[in-house]
N, C-alpha and C. Protein backbone atom coordinates (compact mmCIF):
# COMPACT_ATOMS: atom_id res chain seq x y z
N MET A 1 5.10 -0.65 51.53
CA MET A 1 6.22 -1.12 50.77
C MET A 1 5.75 -2.02 49.62
N ASN A 2 4.86 -2.98 49.89
CA ASN A 2 4.38 -3.87 48.84
C ASN A 2 3.66 -3.11 47.74
N ARG A 3 2.99 -2.03 48.10
CA ARG A 3 2.24 -1.24 47.13
C ARG A 3 3.17 -0.62 46.09
N ARG A 4 4.36 -0.15 46.53
CA ARG A 4 5.32 0.47 45.62
C ARG A 4 5.89 -0.54 44.64
N ILE A 5 6.04 -1.76 45.05
CA ILE A 5 6.60 -2.79 44.17
C ILE A 5 5.51 -3.32 43.24
N PHE A 6 4.29 -3.47 43.71
CA PHE A 6 3.21 -4.02 42.90
C PHE A 6 2.90 -3.17 41.68
N ALA A 7 2.82 -1.84 41.84
CA ALA A 7 2.46 -0.96 40.72
C ALA A 7 3.41 -1.11 39.54
N PRO A 8 4.75 -1.05 39.73
CA PRO A 8 5.64 -1.22 38.58
C PRO A 8 5.52 -2.61 37.96
N VAL A 9 5.31 -3.64 38.76
CA VAL A 9 5.17 -5.00 38.23
C VAL A 9 3.90 -5.09 37.39
N ALA A 10 2.81 -4.50 37.86
CA ALA A 10 1.55 -4.53 37.10
C ALA A 10 1.71 -3.81 35.77
N LEU A 11 2.43 -2.69 35.76
CA LEU A 11 2.66 -1.98 34.51
C LEU A 11 3.49 -2.81 33.54
N LEU A 12 4.50 -3.49 34.05
CA LEU A 12 5.32 -4.34 33.18
C LEU A 12 4.49 -5.44 32.55
N VAL A 13 3.61 -6.05 33.30
CA VAL A 13 2.75 -7.11 32.76
C VAL A 13 1.82 -6.53 31.71
N ALA A 14 1.23 -5.37 31.97
CA ALA A 14 0.30 -4.76 31.02
C ALA A 14 0.97 -4.37 29.72
N LEU A 15 2.23 -3.98 29.77
CA LEU A 15 2.93 -3.53 28.58
C LEU A 15 3.68 -4.64 27.87
N SER A 16 3.70 -5.84 28.41
CA SER A 16 4.50 -6.92 27.84
C SER A 16 4.01 -7.37 26.48
N ALA A 17 2.80 -7.03 26.08
CA ALA A 17 2.29 -7.43 24.77
C ALA A 17 2.99 -6.70 23.64
N CYS A 18 3.52 -5.51 23.89
CA CYS A 18 4.18 -4.73 22.85
C CYS A 18 5.64 -5.11 22.75
N ARG A 19 6.23 -4.82 21.58
CA ARG A 19 7.65 -5.06 21.40
C ARG A 19 8.41 -4.35 22.50
N SER A 20 9.52 -4.91 22.87
CA SER A 20 10.28 -4.26 23.92
C SER A 20 10.96 -3.01 23.37
N GLU A 21 10.85 -1.95 24.11
CA GLU A 21 11.51 -0.69 23.84
C GLU A 21 12.65 -0.58 24.84
N PRO A 22 13.54 0.39 24.69
CA PRO A 22 14.61 0.55 25.68
C PRO A 22 14.02 0.66 27.08
N PRO A 23 14.69 0.07 28.10
CA PRO A 23 14.14 0.09 29.45
C PRO A 23 13.93 1.52 29.96
N GLN A 24 12.83 1.71 30.64
CA GLN A 24 12.52 3.00 31.23
C GLN A 24 12.92 2.95 32.70
N PRO A 25 13.74 3.89 33.16
CA PRO A 25 14.21 3.85 34.56
C PRO A 25 13.09 3.81 35.57
N TRP A 26 11.99 4.51 35.32
CA TRP A 26 10.91 4.55 36.30
C TRP A 26 10.23 3.20 36.43
N LEU A 27 10.37 2.30 35.42
CA LEU A 27 9.77 0.97 35.51
C LEU A 27 10.63 0.01 36.32
N THR A 28 11.92 0.26 36.37
CA THR A 28 12.83 -0.70 37.01
C THR A 28 13.27 -0.27 38.40
N ASP A 29 12.84 0.89 38.89
CA ASP A 29 13.25 1.38 40.20
C ASP A 29 12.11 1.24 41.20
N PRO A 30 12.08 0.14 41.99
CA PRO A 30 10.96 -0.07 42.91
C PRO A 30 10.93 0.93 44.06
N THR A 31 11.97 1.74 44.25
CA THR A 31 11.96 2.72 45.32
C THR A 31 11.29 4.02 44.90
N GLU A 32 11.00 4.16 43.63
CA GLU A 32 10.35 5.38 43.12
C GLU A 32 8.96 5.50 43.74
N THR A 33 8.65 6.67 44.30
CA THR A 33 7.36 6.84 44.96
C THR A 33 6.47 7.85 44.26
N GLU A 34 7.00 8.65 43.33
CA GLU A 34 6.18 9.63 42.65
C GLU A 34 6.13 9.31 41.18
N THR A 35 5.02 9.66 40.54
CA THR A 35 4.86 9.51 39.10
C THR A 35 5.15 10.84 38.44
N THR A 36 5.77 10.82 37.29
CA THR A 36 6.06 12.04 36.56
C THR A 36 4.75 12.72 36.16
N ALA A 37 4.74 14.03 36.16
CA ALA A 37 3.55 14.78 35.77
C ALA A 37 3.15 14.43 34.35
N THR A 38 1.85 14.45 34.07
CA THR A 38 1.37 14.08 32.74
C THR A 38 0.80 15.25 31.97
N THR A 39 1.12 16.47 32.40
CA THR A 39 0.57 17.61 31.69
C THR A 39 1.34 17.93 30.42
N ALA A 40 2.60 17.66 30.37
CA ALA A 40 3.39 17.92 29.16
C ALA A 40 3.42 16.66 28.31
N ALA A 41 3.39 16.83 27.00
CA ALA A 41 3.31 15.69 26.09
C ALA A 41 4.51 14.77 26.21
N ASP A 42 5.67 15.29 26.58
CA ASP A 42 6.85 14.43 26.62
C ASP A 42 7.04 13.73 27.96
N THR A 43 6.11 13.86 28.88
CA THR A 43 6.23 13.21 30.18
C THR A 43 5.03 12.35 30.50
N THR A 44 4.44 11.75 29.50
CA THR A 44 3.23 10.96 29.69
C THR A 44 3.56 9.57 30.22
N SER A 45 2.90 9.15 31.28
CA SER A 45 3.05 7.80 31.79
C SER A 45 2.21 6.86 30.95
N PRO A 46 2.52 5.56 30.93
CA PRO A 46 1.71 4.61 30.16
C PRO A 46 0.25 4.60 30.61
N VAL A 47 0.02 4.71 31.89
CA VAL A 47 -1.36 4.69 32.40
C VAL A 47 -2.12 5.90 31.87
N ALA A 48 -1.51 7.08 31.91
CA ALA A 48 -2.18 8.29 31.41
C ALA A 48 -2.42 8.17 29.91
N ALA A 49 -1.44 7.68 29.16
CA ALA A 49 -1.58 7.55 27.71
C ALA A 49 -2.72 6.61 27.34
N GLU A 50 -2.88 5.55 28.11
CA GLU A 50 -3.98 4.60 27.84
C GLU A 50 -5.34 5.25 28.04
N ARG A 51 -5.39 6.30 28.83
CA ARG A 51 -6.68 6.98 29.08
C ARG A 51 -7.10 7.86 27.91
N TRP A 52 -6.14 8.37 27.13
CA TRP A 52 -6.54 9.28 26.06
C TRP A 52 -6.57 8.65 24.67
N LEU A 53 -6.33 7.37 24.56
CA LEU A 53 -6.55 6.63 23.30
C LEU A 53 -7.39 5.41 23.61
N ASP A 54 -8.40 5.16 22.78
CA ASP A 54 -9.32 4.06 23.07
C ASP A 54 -10.00 3.60 21.79
N ASP A 55 -10.71 2.50 21.87
CA ASP A 55 -11.53 1.97 20.79
C ASP A 55 -10.73 1.80 19.50
N PHE A 56 -9.67 1.00 19.58
CA PHE A 56 -8.81 0.71 18.42
C PHE A 56 -9.55 -0.25 17.50
N THR A 57 -9.70 0.13 16.22
CA THR A 57 -10.48 -0.67 15.28
C THR A 57 -9.75 -0.77 13.95
N LEU A 58 -9.61 -2.00 13.47
CA LEU A 58 -9.04 -2.25 12.14
C LEU A 58 -10.18 -2.33 11.13
N ALA A 59 -9.95 -1.80 9.93
CA ALA A 59 -10.98 -1.81 8.90
C ALA A 59 -10.36 -1.55 7.53
N ARG A 60 -11.20 -1.67 6.50
CA ARG A 60 -10.76 -1.40 5.12
C ARG A 60 -10.92 0.07 4.74
N GLY A 61 -11.51 0.86 5.61
CA GLY A 61 -11.68 2.28 5.33
C GLY A 61 -12.20 3.02 6.55
N VAL A 62 -12.12 4.34 6.48
CA VAL A 62 -12.62 5.20 7.55
C VAL A 62 -13.52 6.26 6.92
N ASN A 63 -14.39 6.85 7.73
CA ASN A 63 -15.27 7.90 7.21
C ASN A 63 -14.58 9.27 7.29
N ALA A 64 -15.31 10.32 6.95
CA ALA A 64 -14.74 11.66 6.91
C ALA A 64 -14.23 12.13 8.28
N GLU A 65 -14.80 11.59 9.35
CA GLU A 65 -14.35 11.95 10.71
C GLU A 65 -13.07 11.22 11.09
N GLY A 66 -12.69 10.21 10.30
CA GLY A 66 -11.49 9.45 10.61
C GLY A 66 -11.75 8.24 11.49
N ARG A 67 -13.00 7.82 11.55
CA ARG A 67 -13.32 6.65 12.35
C ARG A 67 -13.95 5.58 11.47
N VAL A 68 -14.00 4.37 12.00
CA VAL A 68 -14.58 3.24 11.27
C VAL A 68 -16.09 3.25 11.47
N PRO A 69 -16.86 3.22 10.38
CA PRO A 69 -18.33 3.17 10.53
C PRO A 69 -18.75 1.93 11.33
N LEU A 70 -19.80 2.08 12.09
CA LEU A 70 -20.32 1.02 12.94
C LEU A 70 -20.50 -0.28 12.16
N GLY A 71 -19.98 -1.36 12.66
CA GLY A 71 -20.14 -2.67 12.06
C GLY A 71 -19.18 -2.99 10.93
N GLU A 72 -18.27 -2.07 10.60
CA GLU A 72 -17.35 -2.31 9.49
C GLU A 72 -15.94 -2.66 9.92
N GLY A 73 -15.72 -2.82 11.20
CA GLY A 73 -14.41 -3.24 11.68
C GLY A 73 -14.17 -4.71 11.34
N THR A 74 -12.93 -5.06 11.10
CA THR A 74 -12.59 -6.45 10.78
C THR A 74 -11.15 -6.73 11.17
N GLY A 75 -10.82 -7.98 11.27
CA GLY A 75 -9.44 -8.39 11.52
C GLY A 75 -8.94 -9.30 10.41
N ASP A 76 -9.74 -9.44 9.35
CA ASP A 76 -9.40 -10.33 8.24
C ASP A 76 -9.29 -9.53 6.95
N PHE A 77 -8.13 -9.64 6.30
CA PHE A 77 -7.86 -8.89 5.08
C PHE A 77 -7.21 -9.80 4.05
N ARG A 78 -7.06 -9.29 2.85
CA ARG A 78 -6.33 -9.97 1.78
C ARG A 78 -5.17 -9.07 1.37
N ALA A 79 -4.12 -9.66 0.83
CA ALA A 79 -3.00 -8.88 0.33
C ALA A 79 -3.53 -7.86 -0.67
N GLY A 80 -3.07 -6.64 -0.56
CA GLY A 80 -3.52 -5.58 -1.44
C GLY A 80 -4.67 -4.74 -0.90
N ASP A 81 -5.35 -5.23 0.15
CA ASP A 81 -6.42 -4.45 0.77
C ASP A 81 -5.83 -3.20 1.42
N GLU A 82 -6.62 -2.14 1.43
CA GLU A 82 -6.26 -0.99 2.26
C GLU A 82 -6.61 -1.38 3.69
N ILE A 83 -5.67 -1.20 4.60
CA ILE A 83 -5.88 -1.55 6.01
C ILE A 83 -5.68 -0.31 6.84
N TYR A 84 -6.70 0.02 7.62
CA TYR A 84 -6.64 1.20 8.49
C TYR A 84 -6.76 0.77 9.94
N LEU A 85 -6.08 1.50 10.80
CA LEU A 85 -6.26 1.36 12.25
C LEU A 85 -6.74 2.72 12.74
N ALA A 86 -7.98 2.75 13.21
CA ALA A 86 -8.59 3.99 13.71
C ALA A 86 -8.71 3.90 15.23
N MET A 87 -8.72 5.05 15.87
CA MET A 87 -8.84 5.10 17.32
C MET A 87 -9.51 6.37 17.77
N GLU A 88 -10.14 6.28 18.92
CA GLU A 88 -10.78 7.43 19.54
C GLU A 88 -9.75 8.18 20.37
N VAL A 89 -9.83 9.49 20.37
CA VAL A 89 -8.91 10.35 21.14
C VAL A 89 -9.73 11.08 22.19
N ARG A 90 -9.26 11.06 23.44
CA ARG A 90 -9.97 11.75 24.52
C ARG A 90 -8.99 12.53 25.39
N ASN A 91 -9.12 13.83 25.39
CA ASN A 91 -8.36 14.69 26.30
C ASN A 91 -6.85 14.48 26.22
N ALA A 92 -6.32 14.33 25.03
CA ALA A 92 -4.87 14.18 24.87
C ALA A 92 -4.20 15.50 25.22
N PRO A 93 -3.04 15.44 25.86
CA PRO A 93 -2.34 16.68 26.20
C PRO A 93 -1.85 17.39 24.93
N ALA A 94 -1.66 18.69 25.02
CA ALA A 94 -1.14 19.46 23.88
C ALA A 94 0.20 18.89 23.45
N GLY A 95 0.37 18.71 22.16
CA GLY A 95 1.62 18.19 21.63
C GLY A 95 1.78 16.68 21.68
N ALA A 96 0.73 15.98 22.07
CA ALA A 96 0.80 14.51 22.16
C ALA A 96 1.03 13.90 20.78
N THR A 97 1.84 12.85 20.75
CA THR A 97 2.16 12.17 19.51
C THR A 97 1.72 10.72 19.57
N VAL A 98 1.11 10.25 18.49
CA VAL A 98 0.71 8.85 18.36
C VAL A 98 1.51 8.25 17.21
N ARG A 99 2.04 7.06 17.43
CA ARG A 99 2.80 6.35 16.40
C ARG A 99 2.25 4.95 16.28
N VAL A 100 2.15 4.45 15.04
CA VAL A 100 1.75 3.07 14.80
C VAL A 100 2.87 2.38 14.05
N ALA A 101 3.28 1.23 14.57
CA ALA A 101 4.28 0.39 13.91
C ALA A 101 3.57 -0.85 13.37
N TRP A 102 3.74 -1.12 12.08
CA TRP A 102 3.14 -2.28 11.43
C TRP A 102 4.19 -3.38 11.38
N LEU A 103 3.86 -4.57 11.91
CA LEU A 103 4.81 -5.68 12.03
C LEU A 103 4.36 -6.88 11.21
N GLY A 104 5.34 -7.53 10.57
CA GLY A 104 5.05 -8.71 9.76
C GLY A 104 4.85 -9.95 10.59
N THR A 105 4.63 -11.06 9.91
CA THR A 105 4.35 -12.34 10.58
C THR A 105 5.51 -12.80 11.44
N ASP A 106 6.72 -12.36 11.11
CA ASP A 106 7.90 -12.73 11.89
C ASP A 106 8.32 -11.64 12.88
N GLY A 107 7.50 -10.61 13.01
CA GLY A 107 7.79 -9.51 13.93
C GLY A 107 8.64 -8.41 13.33
N SER A 108 9.02 -8.55 12.06
CA SER A 108 9.85 -7.53 11.42
C SER A 108 9.02 -6.29 11.12
N ALA A 109 9.69 -5.15 11.12
CA ALA A 109 9.01 -3.88 10.85
C ALA A 109 8.66 -3.76 9.37
N LEU A 110 7.40 -3.46 9.09
CA LEU A 110 6.95 -3.26 7.72
C LEU A 110 6.76 -1.77 7.41
N GLY A 111 6.69 -0.98 8.44
CA GLY A 111 6.53 0.46 8.29
C GLY A 111 5.96 1.05 9.56
N GLU A 112 6.05 2.37 9.64
CA GLU A 112 5.45 3.07 10.76
C GLU A 112 5.10 4.48 10.36
N ASP A 113 4.22 5.06 11.12
CA ASP A 113 3.77 6.42 10.85
C ASP A 113 3.47 7.05 12.20
N SER A 114 3.66 8.36 12.29
CA SER A 114 3.31 9.05 13.53
C SER A 114 2.70 10.40 13.19
N ARG A 115 1.94 10.91 14.13
CA ARG A 115 1.35 12.23 13.96
C ARG A 115 1.12 12.87 15.32
N GLN A 116 1.19 14.18 15.29
CA GLN A 116 0.91 14.94 16.50
C GLN A 116 -0.58 15.25 16.51
N LEU A 117 -1.21 14.99 17.64
CA LEU A 117 -2.64 15.24 17.78
C LEU A 117 -2.89 16.73 17.96
N THR A 118 -4.04 17.18 17.49
CA THR A 118 -4.41 18.58 17.65
C THR A 118 -5.44 18.69 18.77
N PRO A 119 -5.45 19.81 19.49
CA PRO A 119 -6.42 19.97 20.57
C PRO A 119 -7.85 19.79 20.06
N GLY A 120 -8.64 19.04 20.80
CA GLY A 120 -10.03 18.80 20.44
C GLY A 120 -10.24 17.68 19.44
N GLU A 121 -9.17 17.07 18.95
CA GLU A 121 -9.29 15.96 17.99
C GLU A 121 -10.01 14.78 18.65
N LEU A 122 -11.00 14.22 17.96
CA LEU A 122 -11.78 13.12 18.52
C LEU A 122 -11.38 11.76 17.99
N TYR A 123 -10.86 11.70 16.76
CA TYR A 123 -10.45 10.44 16.14
C TYR A 123 -9.18 10.65 15.35
N THR A 124 -8.40 9.60 15.23
CA THR A 124 -7.25 9.61 14.33
C THR A 124 -7.12 8.22 13.74
N HIS A 125 -6.42 8.12 12.63
CA HIS A 125 -6.27 6.82 11.98
C HIS A 125 -4.94 6.75 11.23
N PHE A 126 -4.53 5.53 10.97
CA PHE A 126 -3.29 5.24 10.26
C PHE A 126 -3.57 4.18 9.20
N GLN A 127 -2.82 4.24 8.09
CA GLN A 127 -3.00 3.27 7.03
C GLN A 127 -1.74 2.42 6.90
N ALA A 128 -1.93 1.11 6.77
CA ALA A 128 -0.80 0.20 6.59
C ALA A 128 -0.13 0.47 5.25
N PRO A 129 1.20 0.38 5.20
CA PRO A 129 1.91 0.65 3.95
C PRO A 129 1.94 -0.57 3.02
N GLY A 130 1.72 -0.36 1.74
CA GLY A 130 1.90 -1.34 0.69
C GLY A 130 1.63 -2.79 1.02
N THR A 131 0.38 -3.16 1.16
CA THR A 131 0.04 -4.52 1.58
C THR A 131 0.01 -5.53 0.43
N ALA A 132 0.23 -5.09 -0.80
CA ALA A 132 0.12 -5.99 -1.97
C ALA A 132 1.07 -7.19 -1.87
N SER A 133 2.23 -7.01 -1.27
CA SER A 133 3.20 -8.11 -1.19
C SER A 133 3.12 -8.90 0.12
N TRP A 134 2.17 -8.57 0.97
CA TRP A 134 2.06 -9.27 2.24
C TRP A 134 1.52 -10.68 2.01
N THR A 135 2.16 -11.65 2.61
CA THR A 135 1.77 -13.05 2.48
C THR A 135 0.77 -13.43 3.57
N PRO A 136 0.03 -14.52 3.38
CA PRO A 136 -0.93 -14.93 4.42
C PRO A 136 -0.25 -15.15 5.77
N GLY A 137 -0.95 -14.76 6.82
CA GLY A 137 -0.44 -14.95 8.18
C GLY A 137 -0.99 -13.90 9.12
N THR A 138 -0.47 -13.93 10.35
CA THR A 138 -0.90 -13.00 11.39
C THR A 138 0.08 -11.83 11.48
N TYR A 139 -0.46 -10.64 11.40
CA TYR A 139 0.31 -9.40 11.45
C TYR A 139 -0.11 -8.61 12.69
N LYS A 140 0.67 -7.57 13.03
CA LYS A 140 0.35 -6.75 14.19
C LYS A 140 0.53 -5.28 13.88
N ALA A 141 -0.24 -4.47 14.57
CA ALA A 141 -0.06 -3.02 14.59
C ALA A 141 0.09 -2.64 16.05
N GLU A 142 1.19 -1.98 16.37
CA GLU A 142 1.42 -1.52 17.74
C GLU A 142 1.19 -0.01 17.79
N VAL A 143 0.50 0.43 18.83
CA VAL A 143 0.18 1.85 19.00
C VAL A 143 0.99 2.40 20.16
N TYR A 144 1.69 3.50 19.89
CA TYR A 144 2.50 4.16 20.91
C TYR A 144 1.97 5.57 21.12
N ALA A 145 1.84 5.96 22.37
CA ALA A 145 1.44 7.32 22.73
C ALA A 145 2.61 7.96 23.45
N ASN A 146 3.18 8.98 22.83
CA ASN A 146 4.37 9.64 23.39
C ASN A 146 5.45 8.62 23.75
N GLY A 147 5.64 7.63 22.89
CA GLY A 147 6.69 6.65 23.07
C GLY A 147 6.32 5.45 23.92
N GLU A 148 5.15 5.46 24.53
CA GLU A 148 4.71 4.36 25.39
C GLU A 148 3.74 3.47 24.63
N CYS A 149 4.00 2.18 24.59
CA CYS A 149 3.11 1.25 23.90
C CYS A 149 1.82 1.11 24.71
N VAL A 150 0.70 1.42 24.04
CA VAL A 150 -0.59 1.39 24.73
C VAL A 150 -1.56 0.36 24.15
N ALA A 151 -1.25 -0.17 22.97
CA ALA A 151 -2.14 -1.18 22.38
C ALA A 151 -1.41 -1.96 21.31
N GLU A 152 -1.89 -3.18 21.11
CA GLU A 152 -1.39 -4.05 20.05
C GLU A 152 -2.59 -4.72 19.42
N GLU A 153 -2.73 -4.57 18.12
CA GLU A 153 -3.86 -5.15 17.40
C GLU A 153 -3.35 -6.18 16.40
N GLU A 154 -3.83 -7.41 16.51
CA GLU A 154 -3.46 -8.46 15.56
C GLU A 154 -4.52 -8.56 14.47
N PHE A 155 -4.08 -8.93 13.26
CA PHE A 155 -5.00 -9.12 12.16
C PHE A 155 -4.42 -10.17 11.20
N GLU A 156 -5.29 -10.68 10.37
CA GLU A 156 -4.91 -11.76 9.45
C GLU A 156 -4.90 -11.28 8.01
N ILE A 157 -3.91 -11.74 7.28
CA ILE A 157 -3.92 -11.63 5.82
C ILE A 157 -4.25 -13.05 5.34
N GLU A 158 -5.35 -13.19 4.63
CA GLU A 158 -5.82 -14.51 4.18
C GLU A 158 -5.39 -14.74 2.74
N LYS A 159 -5.49 -16.00 2.32
CA LYS A 159 -5.15 -16.36 0.94
C LYS A 159 -6.18 -15.85 -0.02
């Protein structure tokens, strides 16, 4: 009995870093004993989604493969810089979708982008929209896999 209650509580704690999305029934029902299958892209659990996206890196650019060259990741930018969030993709299910939401210093939405992953894709990346008007402060990029928040990356816009 304790095991069934602990798993949903642990997931809630792990996902609390991301903005709140509409409540998911499977998270709030402690009597649930089975997990939804993760073979279809629209039925991915947060735990499964976290397994197929990894190595989130912020940078001023990406290489031809769509990843950040070794040693070029950063969390410090200036207004007007190109800002990229790159990530490694591993064994994503067919039709899987990744979305990145860019949030301002007050948590307001500055923009978002999403894309469907292709089979065999190893890296994907997103670019922040129009940073020229961004003021100094701490910003965030939230990463969603099939609607489930799997990562949150903070970065600074400096003077």
